[in-house]
N, C-alpha and C. Protein backbone atom coordinates (compact mmCIF):
# COMPACT_ATOMS: atom_id res chain seq x y z
N MET A 1 92.38 79.71 83.95
CA MET A 1 92.95 80.30 85.16
C MET A 1 93.03 79.22 86.24
N ASP A 2 94.12 79.20 86.91
CA ASP A 2 94.32 78.24 88.00
C ASP A 2 93.83 78.88 89.29
N TYR A 3 92.64 78.50 89.72
CA TYR A 3 92.04 79.11 90.91
C TYR A 3 92.76 78.69 92.19
N LEU A 4 93.31 77.50 92.19
CA LEU A 4 94.04 77.03 93.37
C LEU A 4 95.23 77.94 93.67
N SER A 5 95.91 78.39 92.62
CA SER A 5 97.04 79.31 92.81
C SER A 5 96.58 80.64 93.39
N ALA A 6 95.45 81.13 92.90
CA ALA A 6 94.92 82.39 93.44
C ALA A 6 94.60 82.23 94.93
N PHE A 7 94.03 81.08 95.29
CA PHE A 7 93.73 80.82 96.71
C PHE A 7 95.01 80.74 97.53
N GLN A 8 96.04 80.07 96.99
CA GLN A 8 97.30 79.93 97.71
C GLN A 8 98.00 81.28 97.89
N ILE A 9 97.95 82.10 96.87
CA ILE A 9 98.58 83.42 96.96
C ILE A 9 97.89 84.26 98.03
N SER A 10 96.57 84.29 98.01
CA SER A 10 95.83 85.04 99.03
C SER A 10 96.08 84.47 100.42
N ALA A 11 96.11 83.14 100.53
CA ALA A 11 96.35 82.51 101.83
C ALA A 11 97.74 82.85 102.36
N SER A 12 98.74 82.92 101.48
CA SER A 12 100.09 83.26 101.95
C SER A 12 100.13 84.70 102.45
N GLY A 13 99.43 85.60 101.76
CA GLY A 13 99.36 86.99 102.22
C GLY A 13 98.64 87.10 103.55
N MET A 14 97.58 86.31 103.72
CA MET A 14 96.85 86.32 104.98
C MET A 14 97.72 85.80 106.12
N ALA A 15 98.53 84.79 105.86
CA ALA A 15 99.42 84.24 106.89
C ALA A 15 100.46 85.27 107.33
N VAL A 16 101.01 86.00 106.36
CA VAL A 16 102.00 87.03 106.68
C VAL A 16 101.36 88.13 107.53
N GLU A 17 100.19 88.57 107.14
CA GLU A 17 99.53 89.65 107.87
C GLU A 17 99.07 89.20 109.26
N LYS A 18 98.69 87.94 109.39
CA LYS A 18 98.32 87.43 110.72
C LYS A 18 99.54 87.42 111.63
N MET A 19 100.69 87.01 111.12
CA MET A 19 101.90 87.01 111.92
C MET A 19 102.29 88.45 112.31
N ARG A 20 102.14 89.37 111.36
CA ARG A 20 102.44 90.78 111.65
C ARG A 20 101.52 91.30 112.76
N LEU A 21 100.25 90.94 112.70
CA LEU A 21 99.29 91.36 113.72
C LEU A 21 99.61 90.72 115.06
N ASP A 22 99.97 89.44 115.07
CA ASP A 22 100.33 88.76 116.32
C ASP A 22 101.54 89.41 116.99
N LEU A 23 102.56 89.72 116.22
CA LEU A 23 103.76 90.34 116.79
C LEU A 23 103.49 91.76 117.26
N THR A 24 102.67 92.48 116.52
CA THR A 24 102.34 93.85 116.92
C THR A 24 101.57 93.86 118.23
N THR A 25 100.62 92.94 118.38
CA THR A 25 99.87 92.90 119.63
C THR A 25 100.76 92.47 120.79
N ALA A 26 101.73 91.60 120.54
CA ALA A 26 102.69 91.23 121.58
C ALA A 26 103.54 92.43 121.98
N ASN A 27 103.94 93.23 121.01
CA ASN A 27 104.71 94.44 121.31
C ASN A 27 103.91 95.41 122.17
N ILE A 28 102.64 95.60 121.81
CA ILE A 28 101.79 96.51 122.59
C ILE A 28 101.57 95.97 123.99
N ALA A 29 101.39 94.67 124.10
CA ALA A 29 101.16 94.06 125.42
C ALA A 29 102.38 94.22 126.33
N ALA A 30 103.57 94.19 125.75
CA ALA A 30 104.79 94.28 126.55
C ALA A 30 105.30 95.71 126.72
N MET A 31 104.56 96.67 126.24
CA MET A 31 105.01 98.06 126.22
C MET A 31 105.32 98.61 127.61
N HIS A 32 104.58 98.21 128.60
CA HIS A 32 104.76 98.77 129.94
C HIS A 32 105.40 97.77 130.92
N THR A 33 106.13 96.80 130.39
CA THR A 33 106.80 95.84 131.27
C THR A 33 108.22 96.29 131.54
N ALA A 34 108.51 96.51 132.81
CA ALA A 34 109.84 96.98 133.20
C ALA A 34 110.79 95.79 133.32
N ALA A 35 112.08 96.09 133.27
CA ALA A 35 113.10 95.06 133.43
C ALA A 35 114.17 95.57 134.38
N PRO A 36 114.82 94.65 135.09
CA PRO A 36 115.82 95.07 136.05
C PRO A 36 117.06 95.72 135.43
N ASN A 37 117.36 95.37 134.17
CA ASN A 37 118.50 96.00 133.49
C ASN A 37 118.22 96.10 132.00
N ALA A 38 119.05 96.85 131.29
CA ALA A 38 118.82 97.10 129.87
C ALA A 38 118.95 95.84 129.04
N ALA A 39 119.75 94.88 129.46
CA ALA A 39 119.95 93.65 128.69
C ALA A 39 118.72 92.75 128.71
N SER A 40 117.91 92.83 129.73
CA SER A 40 116.76 91.92 129.84
C SER A 40 115.43 92.57 129.44
N VAL A 41 115.47 93.73 128.83
CA VAL A 41 114.26 94.42 128.38
C VAL A 41 113.71 93.71 127.15
N TYR A 42 112.38 93.61 127.07
CA TYR A 42 111.72 93.04 125.89
C TYR A 42 112.10 93.85 124.66
N ARG A 43 112.43 93.17 123.59
CA ARG A 43 112.75 93.83 122.32
C ARG A 43 111.55 93.70 121.38
N PRO A 44 111.01 94.81 120.89
CA PRO A 44 109.89 94.72 119.96
C PRO A 44 110.27 93.88 118.74
N MET A 45 109.34 93.05 118.29
CA MET A 45 109.59 92.15 117.18
C MET A 45 108.86 92.64 115.93
N HIS A 46 109.47 92.39 114.78
CA HIS A 46 108.89 92.80 113.50
C HIS A 46 109.07 91.69 112.47
N VAL A 47 108.10 91.55 111.59
CA VAL A 47 108.13 90.55 110.53
C VAL A 47 108.91 91.09 109.34
N VAL A 48 109.75 90.24 108.78
CA VAL A 48 110.41 90.55 107.52
C VAL A 48 109.84 89.57 106.50
N ALA A 49 109.10 90.11 105.52
CA ALA A 49 108.46 89.27 104.51
C ALA A 49 108.97 89.67 103.13
N GLN A 50 108.83 88.73 102.20
CA GLN A 50 109.21 89.02 100.83
C GLN A 50 108.28 88.28 99.89
N ALA A 51 108.24 88.74 98.66
CA ALA A 51 107.42 88.10 97.65
C ALA A 51 108.06 86.78 97.23
N VAL A 52 107.22 85.80 96.94
CA VAL A 52 107.71 84.53 96.41
C VAL A 52 107.84 84.73 94.91
N PRO A 53 109.06 84.60 94.38
CA PRO A 53 109.24 84.88 92.95
C PRO A 53 108.64 83.79 92.07
N LEU A 54 108.19 84.20 90.90
CA LEU A 54 107.70 83.27 89.89
C LEU A 54 108.84 82.88 88.97
N SER A 55 108.78 81.70 88.42
CA SER A 55 109.80 81.28 87.47
C SER A 55 109.57 81.98 86.13
N PHE A 56 110.53 81.86 85.22
CA PHE A 56 110.42 82.47 83.90
C PHE A 56 109.19 81.94 83.17
N ALA A 57 108.97 80.64 83.21
CA ALA A 57 107.84 80.03 82.51
C ALA A 57 106.51 80.50 83.11
N GLN A 58 106.47 80.65 84.42
CA GLN A 58 105.24 81.09 85.07
C GLN A 58 104.91 82.53 84.72
N ARG A 59 105.94 83.36 84.56
CA ARG A 59 105.70 84.76 84.23
C ARG A 59 105.09 84.94 82.85
N PHE A 60 105.40 84.04 81.95
CA PHE A 60 104.91 84.18 80.59
C PHE A 60 103.80 83.20 80.25
N GLY A 61 103.19 82.61 81.24
CA GLY A 61 102.00 81.81 81.05
C GLY A 61 102.20 80.46 80.42
N GLU A 62 103.43 79.96 80.37
CA GLU A 62 103.66 78.65 79.77
C GLU A 62 103.24 77.53 80.71
N MET A 63 103.18 77.81 81.98
CA MET A 63 102.76 76.82 82.96
C MET A 63 101.75 77.48 83.87
N SER A 64 101.01 76.66 84.62
CA SER A 64 100.09 77.27 85.58
C SER A 64 100.91 77.89 86.70
N VAL A 65 100.40 78.94 87.27
CA VAL A 65 101.10 79.66 88.31
C VAL A 65 100.93 78.93 89.64
N SER A 66 102.01 78.35 90.13
CA SER A 66 101.93 77.68 91.43
C SER A 66 102.77 78.41 92.47
N GLY A 67 103.50 79.41 92.04
CA GLY A 67 104.28 80.22 92.97
C GLY A 67 103.55 81.51 93.25
N GLY A 68 104.28 82.49 93.66
CA GLY A 68 103.68 83.77 93.93
C GLY A 68 103.22 83.88 95.37
N GLY A 69 102.79 85.05 95.74
CA GLY A 69 102.36 85.28 97.10
C GLY A 69 103.47 85.89 97.93
N ALA A 70 103.41 85.63 99.21
CA ALA A 70 104.39 86.20 100.14
C ALA A 70 104.82 85.13 101.13
N ARG A 71 105.97 85.34 101.72
CA ARG A 71 106.45 84.43 102.75
C ARG A 71 107.22 85.21 103.80
N ILE A 72 107.23 84.66 104.99
CA ILE A 72 107.97 85.27 106.10
C ILE A 72 109.41 84.80 106.01
N VAL A 73 110.32 85.75 105.93
CA VAL A 73 111.74 85.44 105.85
C VAL A 73 112.34 85.36 107.24
N ALA A 74 111.95 86.28 108.10
CA ALA A 74 112.52 86.32 109.45
C ALA A 74 111.61 87.12 110.37
N VAL A 75 111.81 86.90 111.64
CA VAL A 75 111.20 87.71 112.69
C VAL A 75 112.37 88.34 113.44
N GLN A 76 112.49 89.65 113.36
CA GLN A 76 113.64 90.34 113.93
C GLN A 76 113.24 91.18 115.13
N GLY A 77 114.13 91.20 116.10
CA GLY A 77 113.97 92.08 117.24
C GLY A 77 114.52 93.46 116.93
N ASP A 78 113.89 94.47 117.46
CA ASP A 78 114.33 95.85 117.27
C ASP A 78 115.59 96.09 118.09
N ALA A 79 116.56 96.74 117.51
CA ALA A 79 117.83 96.99 118.19
C ALA A 79 117.85 98.34 118.91
N SER A 80 116.72 99.01 118.99
CA SER A 80 116.67 100.31 119.67
C SER A 80 116.98 100.16 121.15
N PRO A 81 117.64 101.16 121.72
CA PRO A 81 117.91 101.08 123.15
C PRO A 81 116.61 101.20 123.96
N PRO A 82 116.57 100.65 125.15
CA PRO A 82 115.33 100.71 125.94
C PRO A 82 114.97 102.15 126.30
N ARG A 83 113.70 102.34 126.52
CA ARG A 83 113.18 103.64 126.94
C ARG A 83 113.40 103.75 128.45
N GLN A 84 114.03 104.80 128.89
CA GLN A 84 114.29 104.98 130.32
C GLN A 84 113.35 106.03 130.89
N VAL A 85 112.68 105.65 131.98
CA VAL A 85 111.72 106.53 132.63
C VAL A 85 112.18 106.76 134.06
N TYR A 86 112.11 108.01 134.49
CA TYR A 86 112.53 108.35 135.85
C TYR A 86 111.43 107.96 136.84
N GLU A 87 111.65 106.90 137.58
CA GLU A 87 110.73 106.41 138.62
C GLU A 87 111.57 105.93 139.80
N PRO A 88 112.02 106.84 140.64
CA PRO A 88 112.95 106.45 141.71
C PRO A 88 112.37 105.44 142.71
N GLY A 89 111.07 105.34 142.87
CA GLY A 89 110.48 104.42 143.83
C GLY A 89 110.22 103.02 143.27
N HIS A 90 110.46 102.80 141.99
CA HIS A 90 110.20 101.51 141.34
C HIS A 90 111.24 100.48 141.79
N PRO A 91 110.84 99.23 141.98
CA PRO A 91 111.80 98.21 142.40
C PRO A 91 112.94 97.97 141.41
N TYR A 92 112.72 98.24 140.13
CA TYR A 92 113.77 98.04 139.12
C TYR A 92 114.57 99.31 138.82
N ALA A 93 114.39 100.36 139.58
CA ALA A 93 115.11 101.62 139.33
C ALA A 93 116.59 101.43 139.59
N ASP A 94 117.41 102.04 138.73
CA ASP A 94 118.86 101.96 138.94
C ASP A 94 119.28 103.01 139.97
N ALA A 95 120.57 103.21 140.13
CA ALA A 95 121.08 104.14 141.14
C ALA A 95 120.64 105.58 140.87
N LYS A 96 120.39 105.92 139.62
CA LYS A 96 119.95 107.27 139.27
C LYS A 96 118.42 107.41 139.29
N GLY A 97 117.69 106.31 139.53
CA GLY A 97 116.24 106.35 139.60
C GLY A 97 115.53 106.05 138.29
N PHE A 98 116.25 105.57 137.27
CA PHE A 98 115.65 105.28 135.97
C PHE A 98 115.28 103.81 135.85
N VAL A 99 114.14 103.56 135.23
CA VAL A 99 113.65 102.20 134.99
C VAL A 99 113.66 101.97 133.48
N ASN A 100 114.08 100.76 133.06
CA ASN A 100 114.14 100.40 131.64
C ASN A 100 112.82 99.79 131.18
N TYR A 101 112.29 100.34 130.10
CA TYR A 101 111.07 99.84 129.46
C TYR A 101 111.38 99.55 128.00
N PRO A 102 110.60 98.68 127.35
CA PRO A 102 110.83 98.40 125.93
C PRO A 102 110.66 99.65 125.07
N ALA A 103 111.40 99.70 123.98
CA ALA A 103 111.33 100.84 123.06
C ALA A 103 110.20 100.62 122.06
N VAL A 104 108.99 100.51 122.57
CA VAL A 104 107.81 100.29 121.73
C VAL A 104 107.17 101.65 121.45
N ASP A 105 107.00 101.96 120.18
CA ASP A 105 106.34 103.19 119.77
C ASP A 105 104.87 102.86 119.53
N GLN A 106 104.01 103.32 120.43
CA GLN A 106 102.60 102.96 120.37
C GLN A 106 101.94 103.42 119.07
N VAL A 107 102.29 104.59 118.60
CA VAL A 107 101.69 105.11 117.36
C VAL A 107 102.07 104.22 116.18
N ALA A 108 103.35 103.87 116.09
CA ALA A 108 103.80 103.00 115.00
C ALA A 108 103.16 101.62 115.09
N GLU A 109 103.01 101.10 116.30
CA GLU A 109 102.40 99.79 116.46
C GLU A 109 100.92 99.81 116.08
N MET A 110 100.22 100.86 116.42
CA MET A 110 98.81 100.96 116.04
C MET A 110 98.66 101.12 114.52
N LEU A 111 99.61 101.81 113.91
CA LEU A 111 99.62 101.91 112.45
C LEU A 111 99.85 100.53 111.84
N ASN A 112 100.74 99.73 112.43
CA ASN A 112 100.96 98.36 111.97
C ASN A 112 99.70 97.53 112.10
N VAL A 113 98.97 97.70 113.19
CA VAL A 113 97.70 96.97 113.36
C VAL A 113 96.74 97.31 112.24
N ASN A 114 96.58 98.60 111.96
CA ASN A 114 95.64 99.03 110.91
C ASN A 114 96.06 98.54 109.53
N THR A 115 97.33 98.65 109.19
CA THR A 115 97.77 98.21 107.87
C THR A 115 97.68 96.69 107.74
N ALA A 116 97.99 95.96 108.80
CA ALA A 116 97.87 94.50 108.74
C ALA A 116 96.41 94.09 108.56
N LEU A 117 95.51 94.75 109.27
CA LEU A 117 94.09 94.43 109.12
C LEU A 117 93.59 94.73 107.71
N ARG A 118 93.99 95.86 107.14
CA ARG A 118 93.55 96.22 105.79
C ARG A 118 94.14 95.27 104.75
N ALA A 119 95.40 94.90 104.91
CA ALA A 119 96.01 93.96 103.97
C ALA A 119 95.36 92.58 104.07
N TYR A 120 95.03 92.16 105.28
CA TYR A 120 94.35 90.89 105.48
C TYR A 120 92.98 90.93 104.80
N GLU A 121 92.24 92.02 105.00
CA GLU A 121 90.94 92.17 104.36
C GLU A 121 91.05 92.16 102.84
N ALA A 122 92.09 92.77 102.30
CA ALA A 122 92.29 92.78 100.85
C ALA A 122 92.53 91.36 100.34
N ASN A 123 93.30 90.57 101.07
CA ASN A 123 93.53 89.19 100.67
C ASN A 123 92.26 88.36 100.75
N VAL A 124 91.44 88.61 101.76
CA VAL A 124 90.15 87.92 101.87
C VAL A 124 89.27 88.29 100.68
N ALA A 125 89.25 89.55 100.30
CA ALA A 125 88.45 90.00 99.16
C ALA A 125 88.94 89.36 97.86
N ALA A 126 90.25 89.27 97.69
CA ALA A 126 90.80 88.64 96.49
C ALA A 126 90.43 87.16 96.44
N MET A 127 90.50 86.50 97.59
CA MET A 127 90.14 85.09 97.64
C MET A 127 88.65 84.90 97.35
N SER A 128 87.83 85.77 97.87
CA SER A 128 86.40 85.71 97.63
C SER A 128 86.08 85.94 96.16
N ALA A 129 86.78 86.87 95.53
CA ALA A 129 86.57 87.13 94.11
C ALA A 129 86.97 85.92 93.27
N ALA A 130 88.08 85.28 93.61
CA ALA A 130 88.50 84.08 92.89
C ALA A 130 87.50 82.95 93.08
N ARG A 131 86.96 82.83 94.28
CA ARG A 131 85.95 81.79 94.56
C ARG A 131 84.69 82.06 93.73
N THR A 132 84.28 83.31 93.66
CA THR A 132 83.09 83.67 92.89
C THR A 132 83.32 83.39 91.40
N MET A 133 84.50 83.72 90.90
CA MET A 133 84.81 83.46 89.49
C MET A 133 84.82 81.96 89.21
N ALA A 134 85.36 81.17 90.11
CA ALA A 134 85.38 79.72 89.93
C ALA A 134 83.96 79.16 89.93
N ALA A 135 83.14 79.64 90.83
CA ALA A 135 81.75 79.18 90.89
C ALA A 135 80.99 79.55 89.62
N ARG A 136 81.21 80.77 89.12
CA ARG A 136 80.56 81.20 87.88
C ARG A 136 81.02 80.34 86.70
N ALA A 137 82.30 80.02 86.65
CA ALA A 137 82.82 79.18 85.57
C ALA A 137 82.17 77.80 85.61
N LEU A 138 81.98 77.26 86.80
CA LEU A 138 81.30 75.97 86.92
C LEU A 138 79.85 76.07 86.51
N ASP A 139 79.19 77.19 86.85
CA ASP A 139 77.80 77.39 86.44
C ASP A 139 77.68 77.47 84.92
N ILE A 140 78.59 78.20 84.30
CA ILE A 140 78.56 78.36 82.84
C ILE A 140 78.86 77.01 82.17
N GLY A 141 79.86 76.31 82.67
CA GLY A 141 80.22 75.00 82.08
C GLY A 141 79.16 73.95 82.31
N GLY A 142 78.42 74.03 83.41
CA GLY A 142 77.40 73.04 83.70
C GLY A 142 76.09 73.31 83.01
N ALA A 143 75.90 74.50 82.45
CA ALA A 143 74.64 74.86 81.80
C ALA A 143 74.54 74.28 80.39
N GLN A 144 75.61 73.78 79.84
CA GLN A 144 75.57 73.28 78.46
C GLN A 144 74.99 71.92 78.35
């Protein structure tokens, strides 16, 4: 078993989940920031990730697995229209008294935080298991 590949796969998953967590916390932080017009409102950002494909030889064990894992393909802004709140006394209120806020859904963002944390923890556990297996293999090989 190629332990380095297992470490790289877990590390790539951890990097994706860290980016997801960073963007989610930025979205939550900007949730209550008003803008003077709809065009300048903060757009919530989301990670687009995909699996790193294995080659034909890697899938059938002819070579050591050096691919696999996950990678960030893009960071996309949400195209949802801004949330309008009636606040006639606000400095950014339009003629009708509405203020533009980012279209951040707090419940969805908190769900993203929880899933990113759990996925990160799962990758840490997988990396720890691979490390333990590698250490045991060295112990067994060194005992002879």
